[in-house]
Amino acid sequence: MPVLRQVVGDTLRGVRMRQRRTLREVSAEARVSLGYLSEVERGQKEPSSELLAAICGALDVELSELFAEVSQTLRREEKLALVTSRVSVMQPAPARAVPGGAGGPSGATAAVRALHTSAA
């Protein structure tokens, strides 16, 4: 499941990069410290609505546009996570390594051989 602050940060960074603007330019215009804006973009800080509004203002992007893009990204990531979890459920479990020996028979094969040997 994606973390909202990371998706918001990635989206803000994407908008800024598409505008070919630096962190310094946007932080100065938004009146947000350079370090804090960087942490927001990296998904390390969860920005308040006031801070998001200031950053969006500096980027000349409506807050609703930012949330629309965030929503699309979340939808894609949630669908991808769902498909990935379904695929992993459908795949057979990987063979387990036999303790003490790489490349040896699987645990089930070793147990069958042991039974077969003891019965003979």
C-alpha atoms as a PDB file:
ATOM      1  CA  MET A   1       0.000   0.000   0.000  1.00  0.00           C
ATOM      2  CA  PRO A   2       1.495   3.354  -0.977  1.00  0.00           C
ATOM      3  CA  VAL A   3       2.165   5.989   1.674  1.00  0.00           C
ATOM      4  CA  LEU A   4       0.286   9.231   0.991  1.00  0.00           C
ATOM      5  CA  ARG A   5       3.139  11.562   1.990  1.00  0.00           C
ATOM      6  CA  GLN A   6       5.467   9.792  -0.448  1.00  0.00           C
ATOM      7  CA  VAL A   7       3.011  10.071  -3.322  1.00  0.00           C
ATOM      8  CA  VAL A   8       2.384  13.752  -2.530  1.00  0.00           C
ATOM      9  CA  GLY A   9       6.132  14.382  -2.377  1.00  0.00           C
ATOM     10  CA  ASP A  10       6.824  12.530  -5.621  1.00  0.00           C
ATOM     11  CA  THR A  11       4.029  14.444  -7.324  1.00  0.00           C
ATOM     12  CA  LEU A  12       5.303  17.814  -6.098  1.00  0.00           C
ATOM     13  CA  ARG A  13       8.804  16.957  -7.248  1.00  0.00           C
ATOM     14  CA  GLY A  14       7.462  15.885 -10.640  1.00  0.00           C
ATOM     15  CA  VAL A  15       5.584  19.171 -11.078  1.00  0.00           C
ATOM     16  CA  ARG A  16       8.671  21.166 -10.081  1.00  0.00           C
ATOM     17  CA  MET A  17      10.947  19.177 -12.386  1.00  0.00           C
ATOM     18  CA  ARG A  18       8.552  19.552 -15.341  1.00  0.00           C
ATOM     19  CA  GLN A  19       8.771  23.304 -14.782  1.00  0.00           C
ATOM     20  CA  ARG A  20      12.578  23.027 -14.681  1.00  0.00           C
ATOM     21  CA  ARG A  21      12.714  24.854 -11.369  1.00  0.00           C
ATOM     22  CA  THR A  22      15.077  24.347  -8.482  1.00  0.00           C
ATOM     23  CA  LEU A  23      14.188  23.581  -4.894  1.00  0.00           C
ATOM     24  CA  ARG A  24      15.716  26.912  -3.958  1.00  0.00           C
ATOM     25  CA  GLU A  25      13.424  28.854  -6.314  1.00  0.00           C
ATOM     26  CA  VAL A  26      10.258  27.129  -5.140  1.00  0.00           C
ATOM     27  CA  SER A  27      11.173  27.265  -1.452  1.00  0.00           C
ATOM     28  CA  ALA A  28      11.863  31.005  -1.668  1.00  0.00           C
ATOM     29  CA  GLU A  29       8.600  31.715  -3.473  1.00  0.00           C
ATOM     30  CA  ALA A  30       6.581  29.460  -1.138  1.00  0.00           C
ATOM     31  CA  ARG A  31       8.382  30.880   1.913  1.00  0.00           C
ATOM     32  CA  VAL A  32       9.276  27.377   3.071  1.00  0.00           C
ATOM     33  CA  SER A  33      12.772  26.383   4.124  1.00  0.00           C
ATOM     34  CA  LEU A  34      14.794  24.589   1.482  1.00  0.00           C
ATOM     35  CA  GLY A  35      15.424  21.631   3.798  1.00  0.00           C
ATOM     36  CA  TYR A  36      11.773  21.245   4.721  1.00  0.00           C
ATOM     37  CA  LEU A  37      10.634  21.370   1.092  1.00  0.00           C
ATOM     38  CA  SER A  38      13.242  18.755   0.260  1.00  0.00           C
ATOM     39  CA  GLU A  39      11.927  16.504   3.052  1.00  0.00           C
ATOM     40  CA  VAL A  40       8.362  16.969   1.782  1.00  0.00           C
ATOM     41  CA  GLU A  41       9.412  15.990  -1.747  1.00  0.00           C
ATOM     42  CA  ARG A  42      11.220  12.910  -0.428  1.00  0.00           C
ATOM     43  CA  GLY A  43       8.129  11.843   1.532  1.00  0.00           C
ATOM     44  CA  GLN A  44       9.814  12.290   4.905  1.00  0.00           C
ATOM     45  CA  LYS A  45       7.486  15.039   6.139  1.00  0.00           C
ATOM     46  CA  GLU A  46       3.711  15.182   5.970  1.00  0.00           C
ATOM     47  CA  PRO A  47       2.875  18.759   4.942  1.00  0.00           C
ATOM     48  CA  SER A  48      -0.083  20.669   6.356  1.00  0.00           C
ATOM     49  CA  SER A  49      -2.791  21.931   4.040  1.00  0.00           C
ATOM     50  CA  GLU A  50      -1.437  25.483   4.459  1.00  0.00           C
ATOM     51  CA  LEU A  51       2.042  24.380   3.456  1.00  0.00           C
ATOM     52  CA  LEU A  52       0.696  22.463   0.451  1.00  0.00           C
ATOM     53  CA  ALA A  53      -1.266  25.538  -0.596  1.00  0.00           C
ATOM     54  CA  ALA A  54       1.892  27.676  -0.377  1.00  0.00           C
ATOM     55  CA  ILE A  55       3.935  25.179  -2.410  1.00  0.00           C
ATOM     56  CA  CYS A  56       1.172  24.837  -5.007  1.00  0.00           C
ATOM     57  CA  GLY A  57       0.973  28.645  -5.200  1.00  0.00           C
ATOM     58  CA  ALA A  58       4.710  28.834  -5.832  1.00  0.00           C
ATOM     59  CA  LEU A  59       4.378  26.161  -8.515  1.00  0.00           C
ATOM     60  CA  ASP A  60       1.325  27.908 -10.009  1.00  0.00           C
ATOM     61  CA  VAL A  61      -0.702  24.710  -9.664  1.00  0.00           C
ATOM     62  CA  GLU A  62      -4.160  24.416  -8.142  1.00  0.00           C
ATOM     63  CA  LEU A  63      -4.326  22.270  -5.019  1.00  0.00           C
ATOM     64  CA  SER A  64      -7.126  20.299  -6.698  1.00  0.00           C
ATOM     65  CA  GLU A  65      -4.794  19.562  -9.653  1.00  0.00           C
ATOM     66  CA  LEU A  66      -2.156  18.247  -7.268  1.00  0.00           C
ATOM     67  CA  PHE A  67      -4.703  16.028  -5.524  1.00  0.00           C
ATOM     68  CA  ALA A  68      -6.072  14.791  -8.853  1.00  0.00           C
ATOM     69  CA  GLU A  69      -2.594  13.665  -9.896  1.00  0.00           C
ATOM     70  CA  VAL A  70      -1.971  12.132  -6.458  1.00  0.00           C
ATOM     71  CA  SER A  71      -5.296  10.307  -6.714  1.00  0.00           C
ATOM     72  CA  GLN A  72      -4.423   8.856 -10.132  1.00  0.00           C
ATOM     73  CA  THR A  73      -1.060   7.661  -8.840  1.00  0.00           C
ATOM     74  CA  LEU A  74      -2.621   6.077  -5.760  1.00  0.00           C
ATOM     75  CA  ARG A  75      -5.203   4.309  -7.915  1.00  0.00           C
ATOM     76  CA  ARG A  76      -2.475   2.897 -10.194  1.00  0.00           C
ATOM     77  CA  GLU A  77      -0.333   1.755  -7.259  1.00  0.00           C
ATOM     78  CA  GLU A  78      -3.276   0.156  -5.462  1.00  0.00           C
ATOM     79  CA  LYS A  79      -4.281  -1.759  -8.604  1.00  0.00           C
ATOM     80  CA  LEU A  80      -0.681  -2.844  -9.142  1.00  0.00           C
ATOM     81  CA  ALA A  81      -0.436  -4.032  -5.529  1.00  0.00           C
ATOM     82  CA  LEU A  82      -3.676  -5.985  -5.922  1.00  0.00           C
ATOM     83  CA  VAL A  83      -2.504  -7.662  -9.134  1.00  0.00           C
ATOM     84  CA  THR A  84       0.890  -8.431  -7.599  1.00  0.00           C
ATOM     85  CA  SER A  85      -0.693 -10.011  -4.522  1.00  0.00           C
ATOM     86  CA  ARG A  86      -3.019 -12.117  -6.690  1.00  0.00           C
ATOM     87  CA  VAL A  87      -0.128 -13.307  -8.844  1.00  0.00           C
ATOM     88  CA  SER A  88       1.970 -14.245  -5.814  1.00  0.00           C
ATOM     89  CA  VAL A  89      -0.933 -16.288  -4.409  1.00  0.00           C
ATOM     90  CA  MET A  90      -1.292 -18.167  -7.703  1.00  0.00           C
ATOM     91  CA  GLN A  91       2.410 -19.023  -8.049  1.00  0.00           C
ATOM     92  CA  PRO A  92       3.747 -22.180  -6.402  1.00  0.00           C
ATOM     93  CA  ALA A  93       5.874 -21.662  -3.340  1.00  0.00           C
ATOM     94  CA  PRO A  94       9.608 -21.737  -4.032  1.00  0.00           C
ATOM     95  CA  ALA A  95      11.435 -24.946  -3.106  1.00  0.00           C
ATOM     96  CA  ARG A  96      12.933 -24.861   0.356  1.00  0.00           C
ATOM     97  CA  ALA A  97      16.609 -25.479   0.834  1.00  0.00           C
ATOM     98  CA  VAL A  98      17.585 -28.587   2.771  1.00  0.00           C
ATOM     99  CA  PRO A  99      19.377 -27.628   5.968  1.00  0.00           C
ATOM    100  CA  GLY A 100      23.052 -28.401   5.753  1.00  0.00           C
ATOM    101  CA  GLY A 101      23.223 -28.930   2.019  1.00  0.00           C
ATOM    102  CA  ALA A 102      22.879 -26.678  -0.977  1.00  0.00           C
ATOM    103  CA  GLY A 103      21.551 -28.280  -4.102  1.00  0.00           C
ATOM    104  CA  GLY A 104      20.329 -31.388  -2.283  1.00  0.00           C
ATOM    105  CA  PRO A 105      16.851 -32.821  -2.529  1.00  0.00           C
ATOM    106  CA  SER A 106      13.911 -30.903  -1.158  1.00  0.00           C
ATOM    107  CA  GLY A 107      12.613 -31.750   2.305  1.00  0.00           C
ATOM    108  CA  ALA A 108       9.683 -33.719   0.859  1.00  0.00           C
ATOM    109  CA  THR A 109      11.927 -35.686  -1.509  1.00  0.00           C
ATOM    110  CA  ALA A 110      14.361 -36.469   1.310  1.00  0.00           C
ATOM    111  CA  ALA A 111      11.494 -37.680   3.517  1.00  0.00           C
ATOM    112  CA  VAL A 112      10.187 -39.966   0.753  1.00  0.00           C
ATOM    113  CA  ARG A 113      13.665 -41.362   0.163  1.00  0.00           C
ATOM    114  CA  ALA A 114      14.109 -41.937   3.892  1.00  0.00           C
ATOM    115  CA  LEU A 115      10.792 -43.829   4.050  1.00  0.00           C
ATOM    116  CA  HIS A 116      11.660 -45.829   0.961  1.00  0.00           C
ATOM    117  CA  THR A 117      15.106 -46.724   2.344  1.00  0.00           C
ATOM    118  CA  SER A 118      13.747 -47.777   5.740  1.00  0.00           C
ATOM    119  CA  ALA A 119      11.021 -49.916   4.125  1.00  0.00           C
ATOM    120  CA  ALA A 120      13.526 -51.836   1.997  1.00  0.00           C
END
